[in-house]
Amino acid sequence: MEQEFLFLNNLADAYRNYDVSYIENWLDDNMHYTSMWVFQELKSKEEYLDYLSGKLQTMKERNTKMDFEIVKGGMHNHALLVKTNVPLKVLQLDSLPISTIKERLLCSTLQCQAFSKIPHFI
């Protein structure tokens, strides 16, 4: 569990600093990444890092600011809640080394404020 928190903190640092090097060594070479924003599942560490590098570069160019919170993500794991000026997202992982990351939309910032809590996710 402690390693999971370390990874999630490193993932937050990767986003804060727009730099994938914070998480490279945590990822399994054959990891998978799914997201409603990505047409096809990414099926390797190399594909995911290429995708994330481009995403972070765009965020840097747009000066996107983010806040992060580690939240309970299911029965036995946690997830990183990413709060920006766009809809609220969650990055959920499965095990260490990371072999699966799932990115899901939770709600818009205004919707979550209206709920006054973060909705449960799977």
PDB file of N, CA and C in Angstrom:
ATOM      1  N   MET A   1       0.823  -1.197   0.000  1.00  0.00           N
ATOM      2  CA  MET A   1       0.000   0.000   0.000  1.00  0.00           C
ATOM      3  C   MET A   1       0.866   1.259   0.000  1.00  0.00           C
ATOM      4  N   GLU A   2       1.970   1.235   0.755  1.00  0.00           N
ATOM      5  CA  GLU A   2       2.861   2.396   0.789  1.00  0.00           C
ATOM      6  C   GLU A   2       3.462   2.673  -0.588  1.00  0.00           C
ATOM      7  N   GLN A   3       3.814   1.604  -1.311  1.00  0.00           N
ATOM      8  CA  GLN A   3       4.358   1.767  -2.661  1.00  0.00           C
ATOM      9  C   GLN A   3       3.326   2.385  -3.596  1.00  0.00           C
ATOM     10  N   GLU A   4       2.066   2.004  -3.418  1.00  0.00           N
ATOM     11  CA  GLU A   4       0.981   2.557  -4.215  1.00  0.00           C
ATOM     12  C   GLU A   4       0.896   4.078  -4.015  1.00  0.00           C
ATOM     13  N   PHE A   5       0.982   4.519  -2.764  1.00  0.00           N
ATOM     14  CA  PHE A   5       0.957   5.961  -2.473  1.00  0.00           C
ATOM     15  C   PHE A   5       2.164   6.666  -3.085  1.00  0.00           C
ATOM     16  N   LEU A   6       3.339   6.037  -3.003  1.00  0.00           N
ATOM     17  CA  LEU A   6       4.542   6.630  -3.607  1.00  0.00           C
ATOM     18  C   LEU A   6       4.357   6.804  -5.110  1.00  0.00           C
ATOM     19  N   PHE A   7       3.822   5.759  -5.775  1.00  0.00           N
ATOM     20  CA  PHE A   7       3.587   5.882  -7.213  1.00  0.00           C
ATOM     21  C   PHE A   7       2.596   7.002  -7.511  1.00  0.00           C
ATOM     22  N   LEU A   8       1.479   7.044  -6.798  1.00  0.00           N
ATOM     23  CA  LEU A   8       0.472   8.072  -7.047  1.00  0.00           C
ATOM     24  C   LEU A   8       1.020   9.472  -6.806  1.00  0.00           C
ATOM     25  N   ASN A   9       1.862   9.630  -5.795  1.00  0.00           N
ATOM     26  CA  ASN A   9       2.519  10.922  -5.574  1.00  0.00           C
ATOM     27  C   ASN A   9       3.453  11.258  -6.723  1.00  0.00           C
ATOM     28  N   ASN A  10       4.178  10.253  -7.230  1.00  0.00           N
ATOM     29  CA  ASN A  10       5.052  10.483  -8.385  1.00  0.00           C
ATOM     30  C   ASN A  10       4.238  10.829  -9.630  1.00  0.00           C
ATOM     31  N   LEU A  11       3.088  10.184  -9.783  1.00  0.00           N
ATOM     32  CA  LEU A  11       2.219  10.499 -10.918  1.00  0.00           C
ATOM     33  C   LEU A  11       1.740  11.945 -10.826  1.00  0.00           C
ATOM     34  N   ALA A  12       1.376  12.379  -9.639  1.00  0.00           N
ATOM     35  CA  ALA A  12       0.982  13.781  -9.445  1.00  0.00           C
ATOM     36  C   ALA A  12       2.151  14.708  -9.782  1.00  0.00           C
ATOM     37  N   ASP A  13       3.364  14.335  -9.367  1.00  0.00           N
ATOM     38  CA  ASP A  13       4.547  15.145  -9.695  1.00  0.00           C
ATOM     39  C   ASP A  13       4.797  15.194 -11.198  1.00  0.00           C
ATOM     40  N   ALA A  14       4.555  14.084 -11.883  1.00  0.00           N
ATOM     41  CA  ALA A  14       4.711  14.064 -13.347  1.00  0.00           C
ATOM     42  C   ALA A  14       3.776  15.083 -13.984  1.00  0.00           C
ATOM     43  N   TYR A  15       2.533  15.133 -13.524  1.00  0.00           N
ATOM     44  CA  TYR A  15       1.569  16.110 -14.042  1.00  0.00           C
ATOM     45  C   TYR A  15       1.954  17.530 -13.642  1.00  0.00           C
ATOM     46  N   ARG A  16       2.329  17.738 -12.387  1.00  0.00           N
ATOM     47  CA  ARG A  16       2.691  19.082 -11.909  1.00  0.00           C
ATOM     48  C   ARG A  16       3.873  19.662 -12.669  1.00  0.00           C
ATOM     49  N   ASN A  17       4.842  18.784 -12.974  1.00  0.00           N
ATOM     50  CA  ASN A  17       6.084  19.230 -13.614  1.00  0.00           C
ATOM     51  C   ASN A  17       6.131  18.929 -15.104  1.00  0.00           C
ATOM     52  N   TYR A  18       5.031  18.411 -15.633  1.00  0.00           N
ATOM     53  CA  TYR A  18       4.929  18.099 -17.061  1.00  0.00           C
ATOM     54  C   TYR A  18       6.082  17.202 -17.518  1.00  0.00           C
ATOM     55  N   ASP A  19       6.370  16.145 -16.759  1.00  0.00           N
ATOM     56  CA  ASP A  19       7.563  15.328 -16.994  1.00  0.00           C
ATOM     57  C   ASP A  19       7.293  13.861 -16.646  1.00  0.00           C
ATOM     58  N   VAL A  20       7.324  12.975 -17.658  1.00  0.00           N
ATOM     59  CA  VAL A  20       7.020  11.552 -17.440  1.00  0.00           C
ATOM     60  C   VAL A  20       8.119  10.800 -16.704  1.00  0.00           C
ATOM     61  N   SER A  21       9.293  11.387 -16.554  1.00  0.00           N
ATOM     62  CA  SER A  21      10.398  10.672 -15.899  1.00  0.00           C
ATOM     63  C   SER A  21      10.066  10.292 -14.452  1.00  0.00           C
ATOM     64  N   TYR A  22       9.097  10.981 -13.846  1.00  0.00           N
ATOM     65  CA  TYR A  22       8.707  10.663 -12.466  1.00  0.00           C
ATOM     66  C   TYR A  22       8.088   9.265 -12.342  1.00  0.00           C
ATOM     67  N   ILE A  23       7.541   8.742 -13.447  1.00  0.00           N
ATOM     68  CA  ILE A  23       6.842   7.460 -13.356  1.00  0.00           C
ATOM     69  C   ILE A  23       7.434   6.350 -14.222  1.00  0.00           C
ATOM     70  N   GLU A  24       8.395   6.668 -15.078  1.00  0.00           N
ATOM     71  CA  GLU A  24       8.935   5.678 -16.023  1.00  0.00           C
ATOM     72  C   GLU A  24       9.313   4.357 -15.370  1.00  0.00           C
ATOM     73  N   ASN A  25      10.034   4.403 -14.277  1.00  0.00           N
ATOM     74  CA  ASN A  25      10.539   3.183 -13.645  1.00  0.00           C
ATOM     75  C   ASN A  25       9.470   2.397 -12.898  1.00  0.00           C
ATOM     76  N   TRP A  26       8.298   2.970 -12.733  1.00  0.00           N
ATOM     77  CA  TRP A  26       7.207   2.294 -12.021  1.00  0.00           C
ATOM     78  C   TRP A  26       6.360   1.428 -12.948  1.00  0.00           C
ATOM     79  N   LEU A  27       6.483   1.631 -14.243  1.00  0.00           N
ATOM     80  CA  LEU A  27       5.581   1.005 -15.199  1.00  0.00           C
ATOM     81  C   LEU A  27       6.124  -0.307 -15.742  1.00  0.00           C
ATOM     82  N   ASP A  28       5.248  -1.296 -15.841  1.00  0.00           N
ATOM     83  CA  ASP A  28       5.580  -2.564 -16.474  1.00  0.00           C
ATOM     84  C   ASP A  28       5.727  -2.321 -17.978  1.00  0.00           C
ATOM     85  N   ASP A  29       6.662  -3.007 -18.617  1.00  0.00           N
ATOM     86  CA  ASP A  29       6.886  -2.823 -20.060  1.00  0.00           C
ATOM     87  C   ASP A  29       5.638  -3.130 -20.890  1.00  0.00           C
ATOM     88  N   ASN A  30       4.795  -4.029 -20.418  1.00  0.00           N
ATOM     89  CA  ASN A  30       3.593  -4.443 -21.151  1.00  0.00           C
ATOM     90  C   ASN A  30       2.315  -3.884 -20.535  1.00  0.00           C
ATOM     91  N   MET A  31       2.423  -2.738 -19.886  1.00  0.00           N
ATOM     92  CA  MET A  31       1.255  -2.130 -19.241  1.00  0.00           C
ATOM     93  C   MET A  31       0.185  -1.762 -20.257  1.00  0.00           C
ATOM     94  N   HIS A  32      -1.040  -1.562 -19.765  1.00  0.00           N
ATOM     95  CA  HIS A  32      -2.163  -1.132 -20.597  1.00  0.00           C
ATOM     96  C   HIS A  32      -2.747   0.147 -20.007  1.00  0.00           C
ATOM     97  N   TYR A  33      -3.209   1.021 -20.903  1.00  0.00           N
ATOM     98  CA  TYR A  33      -3.834   2.277 -20.479  1.00  0.00           C
ATOM     99  C   TYR A  33      -5.135   2.422 -21.245  1.00  0.00           C
ATOM    100  N   THR A  34      -6.220   2.692 -20.535  1.00  0.00           N
ATOM    101  CA  THR A  34      -7.507   2.950 -21.176  1.00  0.00           C
ATOM    102  C   THR A  34      -8.043   4.283 -20.701  1.00  0.00           C
ATOM    103  N   SER A  35      -8.731   4.951 -21.612  1.00  0.00           N
ATOM    104  CA  SER A  35      -9.323   6.247 -21.302  1.00  0.00           C
ATOM    105  C   SER A  35     -10.420   6.525 -22.308  1.00  0.00           C
ATOM    106  N   MET A  36     -11.447   7.225 -21.861  1.00  0.00           N
ATOM    107  CA  MET A  36     -12.505   7.605 -22.798  1.00  0.00           C
ATOM    108  C   MET A  36     -12.008   8.645 -23.813  1.00  0.00           C
ATOM    109  N   TRP A  37     -10.832   9.237 -23.571  1.00  0.00           N
ATOM    110  CA  TRP A  37     -10.271  10.226 -24.485  1.00  0.00           C
ATOM    111  C   TRP A  37      -9.311   9.615 -25.500  1.00  0.00           C
ATOM    112  N   VAL A  38      -9.005   8.335 -25.350  1.00  0.00           N
ATOM    113  CA  VAL A  38      -8.079   7.658 -26.254  1.00  0.00           C
ATOM    114  C   VAL A  38      -8.862   6.591 -27.005  1.00  0.00           C
ATOM    115  N   PHE A  39      -8.808   6.628 -28.333  1.00  0.00           N
ATOM    116  CA  PHE A  39      -9.613   5.752 -29.176  1.00  0.00           C
ATOM    117  C   PHE A  39      -9.344   4.274 -28.918  1.00  0.00           C
ATOM    118  N   GLN A  40      -8.072   3.905 -28.849  1.00  0.00           N
ATOM    119  CA  GLN A  40      -7.703   2.508 -28.618  1.00  0.00           C
ATOM    120  C   GLN A  40      -6.880   2.376 -27.351  1.00  0.00           C
ATOM    121  N   GLU A  41      -7.007   1.238 -26.712  1.00  0.00           N
ATOM    122  CA  GLU A  41      -6.198   0.949 -25.536  1.00  0.00           C
ATOM    123  C   GLU A  41      -4.721   0.993 -25.916  1.00  0.00           C
ATOM    124  N   LEU A  42      -3.915   1.630 -25.086  1.00  0.00           N
ATOM    125  CA  LEU A  42      -2.464   1.646 -25.281  1.00  0.00           C
ATOM    126  C   LEU A  42      -1.910   0.406 -24.596  1.00  0.00           C
ATOM    127  N   LYS A  43      -1.067  -0.363 -25.296  1.00  0.00           N
ATOM    128  CA  LYS A  43      -0.694  -1.688 -24.808  1.00  0.00           C
ATOM    129  C   LYS A  43       0.784  -1.848 -24.497  1.00  0.00           C
ATOM    130  N   SER A  44       1.448  -0.741 -24.189  1.00  0.00           N
ATOM    131  CA  SER A  44       2.845  -0.860 -23.759  1.00  0.00           C
ATOM    132  C   SER A  44       3.262   0.401 -23.002  1.00  0.00           C
ATOM    133  N   LYS A  45       4.297   0.245 -22.240  1.00  0.00           N
ATOM    134  CA  LYS A  45       4.888   1.365 -21.505  1.00  0.00           C
ATOM    135  C   LYS A  45       5.310   2.455 -22.484  1.00  0.00           C
ATOM    136  N   GLU A  46       5.947   2.061 -23.579  1.00  0.00           N
ATOM    137  CA  GLU A  46       6.429   3.026 -24.570  1.00  0.00           C
ATOM    138  C   GLU A  46       5.272   3.828 -25.170  1.00  0.00           C
ATOM    139  N   GLU A  47       4.186   3.154 -25.549  1.00  0.00           N
ATOM    140  CA  GLU A  47       3.026   3.856 -26.108  1.00  0.00           C
ATOM    141  C   GLU A  47       2.444   4.847 -25.097  1.00  0.00           C
ATOM    142  N   TYR A  48       2.305   4.391 -23.846  1.00  0.00           N
ATOM    143  CA  TYR A  48       1.726   5.248 -22.821  1.00  0.00           C
ATOM    144  C   TYR A  48       2.601   6.459 -22.543  1.00  0.00           C
ATOM    145  N   LEU A  49       3.916   6.257 -22.423  1.00  0.00           N
ATOM    146  CA  LEU A  49       4.812   7.385 -22.143  1.00  0.00           C
ATOM    147  C   LEU A  49       4.830   8.380 -23.294  1.00  0.00           C
ATOM    148  N   ASP A  50       4.773   7.890 -24.540  1.00  0.00           N
ATOM    149  CA  ASP A  50       4.692   8.793 -25.695  1.00  0.00           C
ATOM    150  C   ASP A  50       3.412   9.616 -25.644  1.00  0.00           C
ATOM    151  N   TYR A  51       2.303   8.930 -25.364  1.00  0.00           N
ATOM    152  CA  TYR A  51       1.013   9.616 -25.263  1.00  0.00           C
ATOM    153  C   TYR A  51       1.033  10.656 -24.131  1.00  0.00           C
ATOM    154  N   LEU A  52       1.482  10.235 -22.949  1.00  0.00           N
ATOM    155  CA  LEU A  52       1.481  11.128 -21.794  1.00  0.00           C
ATOM    156  C   LEU A  52       2.429  12.309 -21.997  1.00  0.00           C
ATOM    157  N   SER A  53       3.574  12.078 -22.623  1.00  0.00           N
ATOM    158  CA  SER A  53       4.519  13.179 -22.903  1.00  0.00           C
ATOM    159  C   SER A  53       3.856  14.254 -23.746  1.00  0.00           C
ATOM    160  N   GLY A  54       3.142  13.825 -24.794  1.00  0.00           N
ATOM    161  CA  GLY A  54       2.438  14.780 -25.650  1.00  0.00           C
ATOM    162  C   GLY A  54       1.339  15.519 -24.900  1.00  0.00           C
ATOM    163  N   LYS A  55       0.603  14.775 -24.089  1.00  0.00           N
ATOM    164  CA  LYS A  55      -0.478  15.371 -23.295  1.00  0.00           C
ATOM    165  C   LYS A  55       0.081  16.406 -22.318  1.00  0.00           C
ATOM    166  N   LEU A  56       1.163  16.051 -21.637  1.00  0.00           N
ATOM    167  CA  LEU A  56       1.761  16.975 -20.674  1.00  0.00           C
ATOM    168  C   LEU A  56       2.344  18.205 -21.363  1.00  0.00           C
ATOM    169  N   GLN A  57       2.907  18.029 -22.551  1.00  0.00           N
ATOM    170  CA  GLN A  57       3.443  19.166 -23.304  1.00  0.00           C
ATOM    171  C   GLN A  57       2.322  20.142 -23.656  1.00  0.00           C
ATOM    172  N   THR A  58       1.180  19.607 -24.097  1.00  0.00           N
ATOM    173  CA  THR A  58       0.023  20.456 -24.403  1.00  0.00           C
ATOM    174  C   THR A  58      -0.461  21.181 -23.158  1.00  0.00           C
ATOM    175  N   MET A  59      -0.518  20.468 -22.038  1.00  0.00           N
ATOM    176  CA  MET A  59      -0.956  21.088 -20.791  1.00  0.00           C
ATOM    177  C   MET A  59       0.007  22.193 -20.365  1.00  0.00           C
ATOM    178  N   LYS A  60       1.293  21.962 -20.564  1.00  0.00           N
ATOM    179  CA  LYS A  60       2.298  22.975 -20.225  1.00  0.00           C
ATOM    180  C   LYS A  60       2.116  24.215 -21.094  1.00  0.00           C
ATOM    181  N   GLU A  61       1.927  24.005 -22.403  1.00  0.00           N
ATOM    182  CA  GLU A  61       1.734  25.123 -23.327  1.00  0.00           C
ATOM    183  C   GLU A  61       0.487  25.930 -22.981  1.00  0.00           C
ATOM    184  N   ARG A  62      -0.525  25.266 -22.468  1.00  0.00           N
ATOM    185  CA  ARG A  62      -1.780  25.936 -22.103  1.00  0.00           C
ATOM    186  C   ARG A  62      -1.785  26.405 -20.648  1.00  0.00           C
ATOM    187  N   ASN A  63      -0.653  26.178 -19.955  1.00  0.00           N
ATOM    188  CA  ASN A  63      -0.515  26.576 -18.556  1.00  0.00           C
ATOM    189  C   ASN A  63      -1.642  26.003 -17.679  1.00  0.00           C
ATOM    190  N   THR A  64      -1.938  24.721 -17.906  1.00  0.00           N
ATOM    191  CA  THR A  64      -2.981  24.041 -17.144  1.00  0.00           C
ATOM    192  C   THR A  64      -2.504  23.787 -15.723  1.00  0.00           C
ATOM    193  N   LYS A  65      -3.262  24.242 -14.758  1.00  0.00           N
ATOM    194  CA  LYS A  65      -2.949  24.023 -13.346  1.00  0.00           C
ATOM    195  C   LYS A  65      -3.833  22.906 -12.818  1.00  0.00           C
ATOM    196  N   MET A  66      -3.272  22.071 -11.977  1.00  0.00           N
ATOM    197  CA  MET A  66      -4.000  20.932 -11.454  1.00  0.00           C
ATOM    198  C   MET A  66      -3.814  20.803  -9.955  1.00  0.00           C
ATOM    199  N   ASP A  67      -4.785  20.180  -9.344  1.00  0.00           N
ATOM    200  CA  ASP A  67      -4.699  19.808  -7.941  1.00  0.00           C
ATOM    201  C   ASP A  67      -4.966  18.311  -7.890  1.00  0.00           C
ATOM    202  N   PHE A  68      -4.421  17.631  -6.892  1.00  0.00           N
ATOM    203  CA  PHE A  68      -4.505  16.178  -6.827  1.00  0.00           C
ATOM    204  C   PHE A  68      -4.913  15.725  -5.443  1.00  0.00           C
ATOM    205  N   GLU A  69      -5.593  14.593  -5.437  1.00  0.00           N
ATOM    206  CA  GLU A  69      -5.970  13.970  -4.174  1.00  0.00           C
ATOM    207  C   GLU A  69      -5.935  12.461  -4.369  1.00  0.00           C
ATOM    208  N   ILE A  70      -5.341  11.757  -3.436  1.00  0.00           N
ATOM    209  CA  ILE A  70      -5.359  10.300  -3.478  1.00  0.00           C
ATOM    210  C   ILE A  70      -6.622   9.853  -2.757  1.00  0.00           C
ATOM    211  N   VAL A  71      -7.436   9.065  -3.462  1.00  0.00           N
ATOM    212  CA  VAL A  71      -8.727   8.629  -2.928  1.00  0.00           C
ATOM    213  C   VAL A  71      -8.837   7.114  -2.987  1.00  0.00           C
ATOM    214  N   LYS A  72      -9.727   6.559  -2.206  1.00  0.00           N
ATOM    215  CA  LYS A  72      -9.991   5.132  -2.237  1.00  0.00           C
ATOM    216  C   LYS A  72     -10.597   4.791  -3.585  1.00  0.00           C
ATOM    217  N   GLY A  73      -9.990   3.813  -4.266  1.00  0.00           N
ATOM    218  CA  GLY A  73     -10.424   3.499  -5.620  1.00  0.00           C
ATOM    219  C   GLY A  73     -11.136   2.184  -5.766  1.00  0.00           C
ATOM    220  N   GLY A  74     -11.435   1.516  -4.711  1.00  0.00           N
ATOM    221  CA  GLY A  74     -12.098   0.226  -4.803  1.00  0.00           C
ATOM    222  C   GLY A  74     -11.848  -0.548  -3.529  1.00  0.00           C
ATOM    223  N   MET A  75     -12.003  -1.830  -3.611  1.00  0.00           N
ATOM    224  CA  MET A  75     -11.868  -2.682  -2.425  1.00  0.00           C
ATOM    225  C   MET A  75     -10.465  -2.607  -1.819  1.00  0.00           C
ATOM    226  N   HIS A  76      -9.422  -2.675  -2.663  1.00  0.00           N
ATOM    227  CA  HIS A  76      -8.063  -2.821  -2.130  1.00  0.00           C
ATOM    228  C   HIS A  76      -7.056  -1.825  -2.693  1.00  0.00           C
ATOM    229  N   ASN A  77      -7.496  -0.851  -3.445  1.00  0.00           N
ATOM    230  CA  ASN A  77      -6.527   0.064  -4.016  1.00  0.00           C
ATOM    231  C   ASN A  77      -7.001   1.513  -3.948  1.00  0.00           C
ATOM    232  N   HIS A  78      -6.132   2.394  -4.372  1.00  0.00           N
ATOM    233  CA  HIS A  78      -6.410   3.819  -4.357  1.00  0.00           C
ATOM    234  C   HIS A  78      -6.239   4.376  -5.761  1.00  0.00           C
ATOM    235  N   ALA A  79      -6.623   5.612  -5.933  1.00  0.00           N
ATOM    236  CA  ALA A  79      -6.534   6.251  -7.235  1.00  0.00           C
ATOM    237  C   ALA A  79      -6.137   7.707  -7.038  1.00  0.00           C
ATOM    238  N   LEU A  80      -5.684   8.315  -8.119  1.00  0.00           N
ATOM    239  CA  LEU A  80      -5.324   9.729  -8.097  1.00  0.00           C
ATOM    240  C   LEU A  80      -6.457  10.523  -8.719  1.00  0.00           C
ATOM    241  N   LEU A  81      -7.046  11.407  -7.959  1.00  0.00           N
ATOM    242  CA  LEU A  81      -8.085  12.291  -8.445  1.00  0.00           C
ATOM    243  C   LEU A  81      -7.402  13.537  -8.992  1.00  0.00           C
ATOM    244  N   VAL A  82      -7.660  13.856 -10.249  1.00  0.00           N
ATOM    245  CA  VAL A  82      -7.035  14.997 -10.922  1.00  0.00           C
ATOM    246  C   VAL A  82      -8.091  16.083 -11.061  1.00  0.00           C
ATOM    247  N   LYS A  83      -7.849  17.224 -10.414  1.00  0.00           N
ATOM    248  CA  LYS A  83      -8.804  18.330 -10.451  1.00  0.00           C
ATOM    249  C   LYS A  83      -8.197  19.469 -11.260  1.00  0.00           C
ATOM    250  N   THR A  84      -8.881  19.827 -12.342  1.00  0.00           N
ATOM    251  CA  THR A  84      -8.444  20.941 -13.188  1.00  0.00           C
ATOM    252  C   THR A  84      -9.648  21.831 -13.458  1.00  0.00           C
ATOM    253  N   ASN A  85      -9.472  22.777 -14.375  1.00  0.00           N
ATOM    254  CA  ASN A  85     -10.582  23.636 -14.763  1.00  0.00           C
ATOM    255  C   ASN A  85     -11.477  22.953 -15.793  1.00  0.00           C
ATOM    256  N   VAL A  86     -11.143  21.714 -16.140  1.00  0.00           N
ATOM    257  CA  VAL A  86     -11.969  20.896 -17.032  1.00  0.00           C
ATOM    258  C   VAL A  86     -12.582  19.785 -16.186  1.00  0.00           C
ATOM    259  N   PRO A  87     -13.385  18.901 -16.762  1.00  0.00           N
ATOM    260  CA  PRO A  87     -14.025  17.865 -15.937  1.00  0.00           C
ATOM    261  C   PRO A  87     -13.043  17.086 -15.067  1.00  0.00           C
ATOM    262  N   LEU A  88     -13.536  16.669 -13.915  1.00  0.00           N
ATOM    263  CA  LEU A  88     -12.777  15.933 -12.930  1.00  0.00           C
ATOM    264  C   LEU A  88     -12.492  14.525 -13.439  1.00  0.00           C
ATOM    265  N   LYS A  89     -11.237  14.081 -13.299  1.00  0.00           N
ATOM    266  CA  LYS A  89     -10.846  12.770 -13.783  1.00  0.00           C
ATOM    267  C   LYS A  89     -10.206  11.980 -12.657  1.00  0.00           C
ATOM    268  N   VAL A  90     -10.207  10.665 -12.820  1.00  0.00           N
ATOM    269  CA  VAL A  90      -9.532   9.799 -11.874  1.00  0.00           C
ATOM    270  C   VAL A  90      -8.628   8.837 -12.642  1.00  0.00           C
ATOM    271  N   LEU A  91      -7.434   8.624 -12.117  1.00  0.00           N
ATOM    272  CA  LEU A  91      -6.496   7.657 -12.667  1.00  0.00           C
ATOM    273  C   LEU A  91      -6.395   6.520 -11.667  1.00  0.00           C
ATOM    274  N   GLN A  92      -6.833   5.339 -12.083  1.00  0.00           N
ATOM    275  CA  GLN A  92      -6.867   4.177 -11.197  1.00  0.00           C
ATOM    276  C   GLN A  92      -5.877   3.141 -11.702  1.00  0.00           C
ATOM    277  N   LEU A  93      -5.152   2.522 -10.768  1.00  0.00           N
ATOM    278  CA  LEU A  93      -4.148   1.539 -11.136  1.00  0.00           C
ATOM    279  C   LEU A  93      -4.455   0.215 -10.484  1.00  0.00           C
ATOM    280  N   ASP A  94      -3.722  -0.831 -10.915  1.00  0.00           N
ATOM    281  CA  ASP A  94      -4.034  -2.148 -10.389  1.00  0.00           C
ATOM    282  C   ASP A  94      -2.998  -2.706  -9.427  1.00  0.00           C
ATOM    283  N   SER A  95      -1.733  -2.680  -9.757  1.00  0.00           N
ATOM    284  CA  SER A  95      -0.709  -3.318  -8.916  1.00  0.00           C
ATOM    285  C   SER A  95       0.647  -2.713  -9.244  1.00  0.00           C
ATOM    286  N   LEU A  96       1.658  -3.117  -8.512  1.00  0.00           N
ATOM    287  CA  LEU A  96       3.020  -2.654  -8.783  1.00  0.00           C
ATOM    288  C   LEU A  96       3.868  -3.833  -9.246  1.00  0.00           C
ATOM    289  N   PRO A  97       4.719  -3.736 -10.274  1.00  0.00           N
ATOM    290  CA  PRO A  97       4.800  -2.552 -11.138  1.00  0.00           C
ATOM    291  C   PRO A  97       3.480  -2.342 -11.870  1.00  0.00           C
ATOM    292  N   ILE A  98       3.226  -1.114 -12.234  1.00  0.00           N
ATOM    293  CA  ILE A  98       1.937  -0.757 -12.813  1.00  0.00           C
ATOM    294  C   ILE A  98       1.757  -1.474 -14.154  1.00  0.00           C
ATOM    295  N   SER A  99       0.692  -2.267 -14.242  1.00  0.00           N
ATOM    296  CA  SER A  99       0.401  -2.955 -15.494  1.00  0.00           C
ATOM    297  C   SER A  99      -0.876  -2.440 -16.139  1.00  0.00           C
ATOM    298  N   THR A 100      -1.705  -1.715 -15.376  1.00  0.00           N
ATOM    299  CA  THR A 100      -2.932  -1.137 -15.932  1.00  0.00           C
ATOM    300  C   THR A 100      -3.219   0.206 -15.271  1.00  0.00           C
ATOM    301  N   ILE A 101      -3.513   1.210 -16.106  1.00  0.00           N
ATOM    302  CA  ILE A 101      -4.001   2.502 -15.620  1.00  0.00           C
ATOM    303  C   ILE A 101      -5.292   2.784 -16.363  1.00  0.00           C
ATOM    304  N   LYS A 102      -6.347   3.115 -15.622  1.00  0.00           N
ATOM    305  CA  LYS A 102      -7.632   3.464 -16.216  1.00  0.00           C
ATOM    306  C   LYS A 102      -7.928   4.911 -15.880  1.00  0.00           C
ATOM    307  N   GLU A 103      -8.232   5.684 -16.903  1.00  0.00           N
ATOM    308  CA  GLU A 103      -8.581   7.092 -16.700  1.00  0.00           C
ATOM    309  C   GLU A 103     -10.064   7.244 -16.972  1.00  0.00           C
ATOM    310  N   ARG A 104     -10.784   7.811 -16.028  1.00  0.00           N
ATOM    311  CA  ARG A 104     -12.226   7.944 -16.145  1.00  0.00           C
ATOM    312  C   ARG A 104     -12.663   9.359 -15.785  1.00  0.00           C
ATOM    313  N   LEU A 105     -13.712   9.801 -16.448  1.00  0.00           N
ATOM    314  CA  LEU A 105     -14.346  11.079 -16.141  1.00  0.00           C
ATOM    315  C   LEU A 105     -15.311  10.854 -14.983  1.00  0.00           C
ATOM    316  N   LEU A 106     -15.233  11.686 -13.963  1.00  0.00           N
ATOM    317  CA  LEU A 106     -16.171  11.573 -12.845  1.00  0.00           C
ATOM    318  C   LEU A 106     -17.336  12.531 -13.015  1.00  0.00           C
ATOM    319  N   CYS A 107     -17.028  13.809 -13.109  1.00  0.00           N
ATOM    320  CA  CYS A 107     -18.057  14.826 -13.258  1.00  0.00           C
ATOM    321  C   CYS A 107     -17.343  16.143 -13.530  1.00  0.00           C
ATOM    322  N   SER A 108     -18.101  17.124 -13.959  1.00  0.00           N
ATOM    323  CA  SER A 108     -17.495  18.439 -14.119  1.00  0.00           C
ATOM    324  C   SER A 108     -17.250  19.018 -12.731  1.00  0.00           C
ATOM    325  N   THR A 109     -16.359  19.976 -12.655  1.00  0.00           N
ATOM    326  CA  THR A 109     -16.055  20.608 -11.375  1.00  0.00           C
ATOM    327  C   THR A 109     -17.320  21.171 -10.732  1.00  0.00           C
ATOM    328  N   LEU A 110     -18.178  21.824 -11.518  1.00  0.00           N
ATOM    329  CA  LEU A 110     -19.410  22.400 -10.974  1.00  0.00           C
ATOM    330  C   LEU A 110     -20.356  21.320 -10.481  1.00  0.00           C
ATOM    331  N   GLN A 111     -20.452  20.195 -11.215  1.00  0.00           N
ATOM    332  CA  GLN A 111     -21.309  19.098 -10.766  1.00  0.00           C
ATOM    333  C   GLN A 111     -20.818  18.547  -9.433  1.00  0.00           C
ATOM    334  N   CYS A 112     -19.505  18.369  -9.307  1.00  0.00           N
ATOM    335  CA  CYS A 112     -18.955  17.828  -8.065  1.00  0.00           C
ATOM    336  C   CYS A 112     -19.173  18.796  -6.909  1.00  0.00           C
ATOM    337  N   GLN A 113     -19.048  20.086  -7.174  1.00  0.00           N
ATOM    338  CA  GLN A 113     -19.309  21.066  -6.126  1.00  0.00           C
ATOM    339  C   GLN A 113     -20.772  21.009  -5.708  1.00  0.00           C
ATOM    340  N   ALA A 114     -21.651  20.776  -6.676  1.00  0.00           N
ATOM    341  CA  ALA A 114     -23.077  20.680  -6.367  1.00  0.00           C
ATOM    342  C   ALA A 114     -23.349  19.469  -5.479  1.00  0.00           C
ATOM    343  N   PHE A 115     -22.632  18.369  -5.735  1.00  0.00           N
ATOM    344  CA  PHE A 115     -22.794  17.181  -4.898  1.00  0.00           C
ATOM    345  C   PHE A 115     -22.157  17.394  -3.535  1.00  0.00           C
ATOM    346  N   SER A 116     -21.229  18.327  -3.452  1.00  0.00           N
ATOM    347  CA  SER A 116     -20.403  18.627  -2.285  1.00  0.00           C
ATOM    348  C   SER A 116     -19.623  17.410  -1.792  1.00  0.00           C
ATOM    349  N   LYS A 117     -19.416  16.473  -2.695  1.00  0.00           N
ATOM    350  CA  LYS A 117     -18.538  15.338  -2.416  1.00  0.00           C
ATOM    351  C   LYS A 117     -18.181  14.693  -3.753  1.00  0.00           C
ATOM    352  N   ILE A 118     -17.160  13.882  -3.723  1.00  0.00           N
ATOM    353  CA  ILE A 118     -16.751  13.182  -4.924  1.00  0.00           C
ATOM    354  C   ILE A 118     -17.568  11.905  -5.047  1.00  0.00           C
ATOM    355  N   PRO A 119     -18.210  11.678  -6.196  1.00  0.00           N
ATOM    356  CA  PRO A 119     -19.003  10.469  -6.351  1.00  0.00           C
ATOM    357  C   PRO A 119     -18.129   9.209  -6.351  1.00  0.00           C
ATOM    358  N   HIS A 120     -18.714   8.078  -5.989  1.00  0.00           N
ATOM    359  CA  HIS A 120     -18.011   6.802  -5.986  1.00  0.00           C
ATOM    360  C   HIS A 120     -17.700   6.404  -7.429  1.00  0.00           C
ATOM    361  N   PHE A 121     -16.586   5.782  -7.648  1.00  0.00           N
ATOM    362  CA  PHE A 121     -16.236   5.302  -8.975  1.00  0.00           C
ATOM    363  C   PHE A 121     -15.751   3.871  -8.888  1.00  0.00           C
ATOM    364  N   ILE A 122     -15.745   3.200 -10.039  1.00  0.00           N
ATOM    365  CA  ILE A 122     -15.304   1.799 -10.104  1.00  0.00           C
ATOM    366  C   ILE A 122     -13.969   1.743 -10.807  1.00  0.00           C
TER     367      ILE A 122
END
